[in-house]
PDB file of N, CA and C in Angstrom:
ATOM      1  N   MET A   1      29.499  38.441 -15.833  1.00  0.00           N
ATOM      2  CA  MET A   1      29.594  37.072 -16.306  1.00  0.00           C
ATOM      3  C   MET A   1      30.194  36.200 -15.200  1.00  0.00           C
ATOM      4  N   ARG A   2      29.557  35.066 -14.954  1.00  0.00           N
ATOM      5  CA  ARG A   2      30.047  34.143 -13.931  1.00  0.00           C
ATOM      6  C   ARG A   2      31.208  33.316 -14.486  1.00  0.00           C
ATOM      7  N   LEU A   3      32.292  33.228 -13.725  1.00  0.00           N
ATOM      8  CA  LEU A   3      33.455  32.431 -14.117  1.00  0.00           C
ATOM      9  C   LEU A   3      33.457  31.061 -13.460  1.00  0.00           C
ATOM     10  N   LEU A   4      32.985  31.008 -12.210  1.00  0.00           N
ATOM     11  CA  LEU A   4      33.044  29.759 -11.450  1.00  0.00           C
ATOM     12  C   LEU A   4      31.924  29.749 -10.418  1.00  0.00           C
ATOM     13  N   LYS A   5      31.297  28.581 -10.276  1.00  0.00           N
ATOM     14  CA  LYS A   5      30.286  28.401  -9.237  1.00  0.00           C
ATOM     15  C   LYS A   5      30.495  27.036  -8.605  1.00  0.00           C
ATOM     16  N   ALA A   6      30.666  27.030  -7.294  1.00  0.00           N
ATOM     17  CA  ALA A   6      30.787  25.790  -6.530  1.00  0.00           C
ATOM     18  C   ALA A   6      29.656  25.789  -5.507  1.00  0.00           C
ATOM     19  N   GLU A   7      28.898  24.701  -5.478  1.00  0.00           N
ATOM     20  CA  GLU A   7      27.755  24.621  -4.580  1.00  0.00           C
ATOM     21  C   GLU A   7      27.849  23.404  -3.677  1.00  0.00           C
ATOM     22  N   ASN A   8      27.760  23.654  -2.378  1.00  0.00           N
ATOM     23  CA  ASN A   8      27.655  22.591  -1.377  1.00  0.00           C
ATOM     24  C   ASN A   8      28.766  21.543  -1.504  1.00  0.00           C
ATOM     25  N   ILE A   9      30.007  22.010  -1.647  1.00  0.00           N
ATOM     26  CA  ILE A   9      31.150  21.117  -1.833  1.00  0.00           C
ATOM     27  C   ILE A   9      31.552  20.468  -0.515  1.00  0.00           C
ATOM     28  N   SER A  10      31.699  19.163  -0.544  1.00  0.00           N
ATOM     29  CA  SER A  10      32.201  18.398   0.599  1.00  0.00           C
ATOM     30  C   SER A  10      33.359  17.532   0.129  1.00  0.00           C
ATOM     31  N   VAL A  11      34.384  17.434   0.962  1.00  0.00           N
ATOM     32  CA  VAL A  11      35.582  16.667   0.626  1.00  0.00           C
ATOM     33  C   VAL A  11      35.894  15.723   1.777  1.00  0.00           C
ATOM     34  N   GLU A  12      36.163  14.476   1.417  1.00  0.00           N
ATOM     35  CA  GLU A  12      36.529  13.453   2.391  1.00  0.00           C
ATOM     36  C   GLU A  12      37.883  12.871   1.989  1.00  0.00           C
ATOM     37  N   ILE A  13      38.799  12.809   2.938  1.00  0.00           N
ATOM     38  CA  ILE A  13      40.116  12.219   2.682  1.00  0.00           C
ATOM     39  C   ILE A  13      40.382  11.193   3.771  1.00  0.00           C
ATOM     40  N   ASN A  14      40.638   9.966   3.355  1.00  0.00           N
ATOM     41  CA  ASN A  14      40.884   8.859   4.288  1.00  0.00           C
ATOM     42  C   ASN A  14      39.783   8.741   5.348  1.00  0.00           C
ATOM     43  N   GLY A  15      38.538   8.912   4.916  1.00  0.00           N
ATOM     44  CA  GLY A  15      37.409   8.792   5.815  1.00  0.00           C
ATOM     45  C   GLY A  15      37.186   9.983   6.730  1.00  0.00           C
ATOM     46  N   LEU A  16      38.015  11.017   6.602  1.00  0.00           N
ATOM     47  CA  LEU A  16      37.908  12.210   7.428  1.00  0.00           C
ATOM     48  C   LEU A  16      37.254  13.328   6.623  1.00  0.00           C
ATOM     49  N   ASN A  17      36.190  13.914   7.163  1.00  0.00           N
ATOM     50  CA  ASN A  17      35.486  14.997   6.494  1.00  0.00           C
ATOM     51  C   ASN A  17      36.306  16.279   6.624  1.00  0.00           C
ATOM     52  N   ILE A  18      36.953  16.702   5.530  1.00  0.00           N
ATOM     53  CA  ILE A  18      37.835  17.864   5.541  1.00  0.00           C
ATOM     54  C   ILE A  18      37.048  19.150   5.302  1.00  0.00           C
ATOM     55  N   ILE A  19      36.141  19.119   4.345  1.00  0.00           N
ATOM     56  CA  ILE A  19      35.319  20.280   3.973  1.00  0.00           C
ATOM     57  C   ILE A  19      33.881  19.808   3.880  1.00  0.00           C
ATOM     58  N   GLN A  20      32.963  20.630   4.369  1.00  0.00           N
ATOM     59  CA  GLN A  20      31.555  20.240   4.304  1.00  0.00           C
ATOM     60  C   GLN A  20      30.679  21.443   3.975  1.00  0.00           C
ATOM     61  N   GLY A  21      29.934  21.336   2.867  1.00  0.00           N
ATOM     62  CA  GLY A  21      28.915  22.312   2.511  1.00  0.00           C
ATOM     63  C   GLY A  21      29.403  23.699   2.140  1.00  0.00           C
ATOM     64  N   VAL A  22      30.548  23.819   1.463  1.00  0.00           N
ATOM     65  CA  VAL A  22      31.090  25.125   1.087  1.00  0.00           C
ATOM     66  C   VAL A  22      30.589  25.514  -0.305  1.00  0.00           C
ATOM     67  N   SER A  23      30.136  26.759  -0.429  1.00  0.00           N
ATOM     68  CA  SER A  23      29.671  27.283  -1.718  1.00  0.00           C
ATOM     69  C   SER A  23      30.413  28.570  -2.028  1.00  0.00           C
ATOM     70  N   LEU A  24      30.583  28.836  -3.333  1.00  0.00           N
ATOM     71  CA  LEU A  24      31.330  30.007  -3.789  1.00  0.00           C
ATOM     72  C   LEU A  24      30.891  30.342  -5.205  1.00  0.00           C
ATOM     73  N   GLU A  25      30.765  31.624  -5.501  1.00  0.00           N
ATOM     74  CA  GLU A  25      30.467  32.060  -6.863  1.00  0.00           C
ATOM     75  C   GLU A  25      31.378  33.247  -7.178  1.00  0.00           C
ATOM     76  N   ILE A  26      32.107  33.139  -8.288  1.00  0.00           N
ATOM     77  CA  ILE A  26      33.044  34.190  -8.693  1.00  0.00           C
ATOM     78  C   ILE A  26      32.629  34.721 -10.059  1.00  0.00           C
ATOM     79  N   HIS A  27      32.551  36.054 -10.152  1.00  0.00           N
ATOM     80  CA  HIS A  27      32.188  36.716 -11.401  1.00  0.00           C
ATOM     81  C   HIS A  27      33.390  37.461 -11.976  1.00  0.00           C
ATOM     82  N   GLN A  28      33.349  37.703 -13.268  1.00  0.00           N
ATOM     83  CA  GLN A  28      34.426  38.410 -13.952  1.00  0.00           C
ATOM     84  C   GLN A  28      34.652  39.763 -13.285  1.00  0.00           C
ATOM     85  N   GLY A  29      35.911  40.101 -13.050  1.00  0.00           N
ATOM     86  CA  GLY A  29      36.282  41.377 -12.460  1.00  0.00           C
ATOM     87  C   GLY A  29      36.331  41.374 -10.942  1.00  0.00           C
ATOM     88  N   GLU A  30      35.866  40.311 -10.308  1.00  0.00           N
ATOM     89  CA  GLU A  30      35.891  40.226  -8.851  1.00  0.00           C
ATOM     90  C   GLU A  30      37.261  39.771  -8.370  1.00  0.00           C
ATOM     91  N   ARG A  31      37.602  40.184  -7.177  1.00  0.00           N
ATOM     92  CA  ARG A  31      38.797  39.687  -6.485  1.00  0.00           C
ATOM     93  C   ARG A  31      38.314  38.876  -5.299  1.00  0.00           C
ATOM     94  N   VAL A  32      38.946  37.740  -5.097  1.00  0.00           N
ATOM     95  CA  VAL A  32      38.506  36.825  -4.054  1.00  0.00           C
ATOM     96  C   VAL A  32      39.681  36.469  -3.154  1.00  0.00           C
ATOM     97  N   ALA A  33      39.428  36.455  -1.854  1.00  0.00           N
ATOM     98  CA  ALA A  33      40.433  36.022  -0.879  1.00  0.00           C
ATOM     99  C   ALA A  33      39.850  34.867  -0.083  1.00  0.00           C
ATOM    100  N   LEU A  34      40.654  33.863   0.138  1.00  0.00           N
ATOM    101  CA  LEU A  34      40.246  32.700   0.922  1.00  0.00           C
ATOM    102  C   LEU A  34      41.017  32.753   2.236  1.00  0.00           C
ATOM    103  N   LEU A  35      40.309  33.066   3.322  1.00  0.00           N
ATOM    104  CA  LEU A  35      40.948  33.274   4.616  1.00  0.00           C
ATOM    105  C   LEU A  35      40.500  32.234   5.628  1.00  0.00           C
ATOM    106  N   GLY A  36      41.381  31.915   6.548  1.00  0.00           N
ATOM    107  CA  GLY A  36      41.034  30.987   7.614  1.00  0.00           C
ATOM    108  C   GLY A  36      42.274  30.534   8.366  1.00  0.00           C
ATOM    109  N   SER A  37      42.048  29.867   9.464  1.00  0.00           N
ATOM    110  CA  SER A  37      43.135  29.364  10.307  1.00  0.00           C
ATOM    111  C   SER A  37      43.927  28.270   9.591  1.00  0.00           C
ATOM    112  N   ASN A  38      45.108  27.990  10.091  1.00  0.00           N
ATOM    113  CA  ASN A  38      45.921  26.898   9.562  1.00  0.00           C
ATOM    114  C   ASN A  38      45.174  25.580   9.689  1.00  0.00           C
ATOM    115  N   GLY A  39      45.254  24.760   8.642  1.00  0.00           N
ATOM    116  CA  GLY A  39      44.676  23.424   8.687  1.00  0.00           C
ATOM    117  C   GLY A  39      43.170  23.355   8.526  1.00  0.00           C
ATOM    118  N   ILE A  40      42.546  24.437   8.079  1.00  0.00           N
ATOM    119  CA  ILE A  40      41.084  24.461   7.992  1.00  0.00           C
ATOM    120  C   ILE A  40      40.557  23.979   6.632  1.00  0.00           C
ATOM    121  N   GLY A  41      41.448  23.836   5.617  1.00  0.00           N
ATOM    122  CA  GLY A  41      41.035  23.296   4.330  1.00  0.00           C
ATOM    123  C   GLY A  41      41.092  24.264   3.159  1.00  0.00           C
ATOM    124  N   LYS A  42      41.776  25.393   3.317  1.00  0.00           N
ATOM    125  CA  LYS A  42      41.863  26.380   2.235  1.00  0.00           C
ATOM    126  C   LYS A  42      42.550  25.809   0.996  1.00  0.00           C
ATOM    127  N   THR A  43      43.706  25.217   1.177  1.00  0.00           N
ATOM    128  CA  THR A  43      44.447  24.652   0.049  1.00  0.00           C
ATOM    129  C   THR A  43      43.698  23.474  -0.554  1.00  0.00           C
ATOM    130  N   THR A  44      43.089  22.660   0.273  1.00  0.00           N
ATOM    131  CA  THR A  44      42.286  21.539  -0.216  1.00  0.00           C
ATOM    132  C   THR A  44      41.151  22.050  -1.095  1.00  0.00           C
ATOM    133  N   PHE A  45      40.461  23.100  -0.657  1.00  0.00           N
ATOM    134  CA  PHE A  45      39.355  23.664  -1.436  1.00  0.00           C
ATOM    135  C   PHE A  45      39.861  24.203  -2.778  1.00  0.00           C
ATOM    136  N   LEU A  46      40.991  24.882  -2.784  1.00  0.00           N
ATOM    137  CA  LEU A  46      41.559  25.376  -4.035  1.00  0.00           C
ATOM    138  C   LEU A  46      41.925  24.232  -4.975  1.00  0.00           C
ATOM    139  N   LYS A  47      42.463  23.152  -4.433  1.00  0.00           N
ATOM    140  CA  LYS A  47      42.800  21.987  -5.254  1.00  0.00           C
ATOM    141  C   LYS A  47      41.550  21.345  -5.842  1.00  0.00           C
ATOM    142  N   VAL A  48      40.467  21.343  -5.095  1.00  0.00           N
ATOM    143  CA  VAL A  48      39.188  20.829  -5.614  1.00  0.00           C
ATOM    144  C   VAL A  48      38.699  21.726  -6.743  1.00  0.00           C
ATOM    145  N   LEU A  49      38.764  23.036  -6.553  1.00  0.00           N
ATOM    146  CA  LEU A  49      38.294  23.974  -7.577  1.00  0.00           C
ATOM    147  C   LEU A  49      39.092  23.862  -8.874  1.00  0.00           C
ATOM    148  N   THR A  50      40.382  23.530  -8.760  1.00  0.00           N
ATOM    149  CA  THR A  50      41.222  23.411  -9.955  1.00  0.00           C
ATOM    150  C   THR A  50      41.214  22.005 -10.552  1.00  0.00           C
ATOM    151  N   GLY A  51      40.505  21.079  -9.906  1.00  0.00           N
ATOM    152  CA  GLY A  51      40.400  19.718 -10.435  1.00  0.00           C
ATOM    153  C   GLY A  51      41.527  18.792 -10.023  1.00  0.00           C
ATOM    154  N   LYS A  52      42.374  19.222  -9.111  1.00  0.00           N
ATOM    155  CA  LYS A  52      43.498  18.380  -8.677  1.00  0.00           C
ATOM    156  C   LYS A  52      43.111  17.379  -7.603  1.00  0.00           C
ATOM    157  N   LEU A  53      41.974  17.608  -6.946  1.00  0.00           N
ATOM    158  CA  LEU A  53      41.459  16.680  -5.941  1.00  0.00           C
ATOM    159  C   LEU A  53      39.974  16.433  -6.214  1.00  0.00           C
ATOM    160  N   PRO A  54      39.504  15.225  -5.977  1.00  0.00           N
ATOM    161  CA  PRO A  54      38.074  14.943  -6.152  1.00  0.00           C
ATOM    162  C   PRO A  54      37.276  15.433  -4.942  1.00  0.00           C
ATOM    163  N   TYR A  55      35.995  15.646  -5.147  1.00  0.00           N
ATOM    164  CA  TYR A  55      35.116  16.025  -4.048  1.00  0.00           C
ATOM    165  C   TYR A  55      34.009  14.988  -3.924  1.00  0.00           C
ATOM    166  N   ALA A  56      33.491  14.825  -2.704  1.00  0.00           N
ATOM    167  CA  ALA A  56      32.517  13.786  -2.414  1.00  0.00           C
ATOM    168  C   ALA A  56      31.102  14.211  -2.783  1.00  0.00           C
ATOM    169  N   GLU A  57      30.772  15.474  -2.559  1.00  0.00           N
ATOM    170  CA  GLU A  57      29.421  15.982  -2.826  1.00  0.00           C
ATOM    171  C   GLU A  57      29.486  17.379  -3.378  1.00  0.00           C
ATOM    172  N   GLY A  58      28.398  17.792  -4.041  1.00  0.00           N
ATOM    173  CA  GLY A  58      28.283  19.138  -4.553  1.00  0.00           C
ATOM    174  C   GLY A  58      28.512  19.202  -6.054  1.00  0.00           C
ATOM    175  N   THR A  59      28.498  20.421  -6.581  1.00  0.00           N
ATOM    176  CA  THR A  59      28.708  20.650  -8.014  1.00  0.00           C
ATOM    177  C   THR A  59      29.644  21.829  -8.237  1.00  0.00           C
ATOM    178  N   ILE A  60      30.428  21.735  -9.290  1.00  0.00           N
ATOM    179  CA  ILE A  60      31.285  22.823  -9.711  1.00  0.00           C
ATOM    180  C   ILE A  60      31.029  23.070 -11.189  1.00  0.00           C
ATOM    181  N   SER A  61      30.739  24.333 -11.538  1.00  0.00           N
ATOM    182  CA  SER A  61      30.556  24.677 -12.947  1.00  0.00           C
ATOM    183  C   SER A  61      31.427  25.884 -13.279  1.00  0.00           C
ATOM    184  N   ARG A  62      32.035  25.826 -14.433  1.00  0.00           N
ATOM    185  CA  ARG A  62      32.912  26.894 -14.896  1.00  0.00           C
ATOM    186  C   ARG A  62      32.260  27.572 -16.090  1.00  0.00           C
ATOM    187  N   GLY A  63      32.359  28.887 -16.088  1.00  0.00           N
ATOM    188  CA  GLY A  63      31.811  29.650 -17.216  1.00  0.00           C
ATOM    189  C   GLY A  63      30.360  29.945 -17.099  1.00  0.00           C
TER     190      GLY A  63
END
């Protein structure tokens, strides 16, 4: 069963493109790790997935 699907997510903050074209699909029972260098947008992407930040493009569906 799919829990979360994010397709082609892009985030812009103060005119700066922070995230562009990121997709993710998580299914029940899966473990997911978000890895990357400092300042690359990991926390921003998590905030978008939880609804704490808006995104400029793409779709997010839960369930």
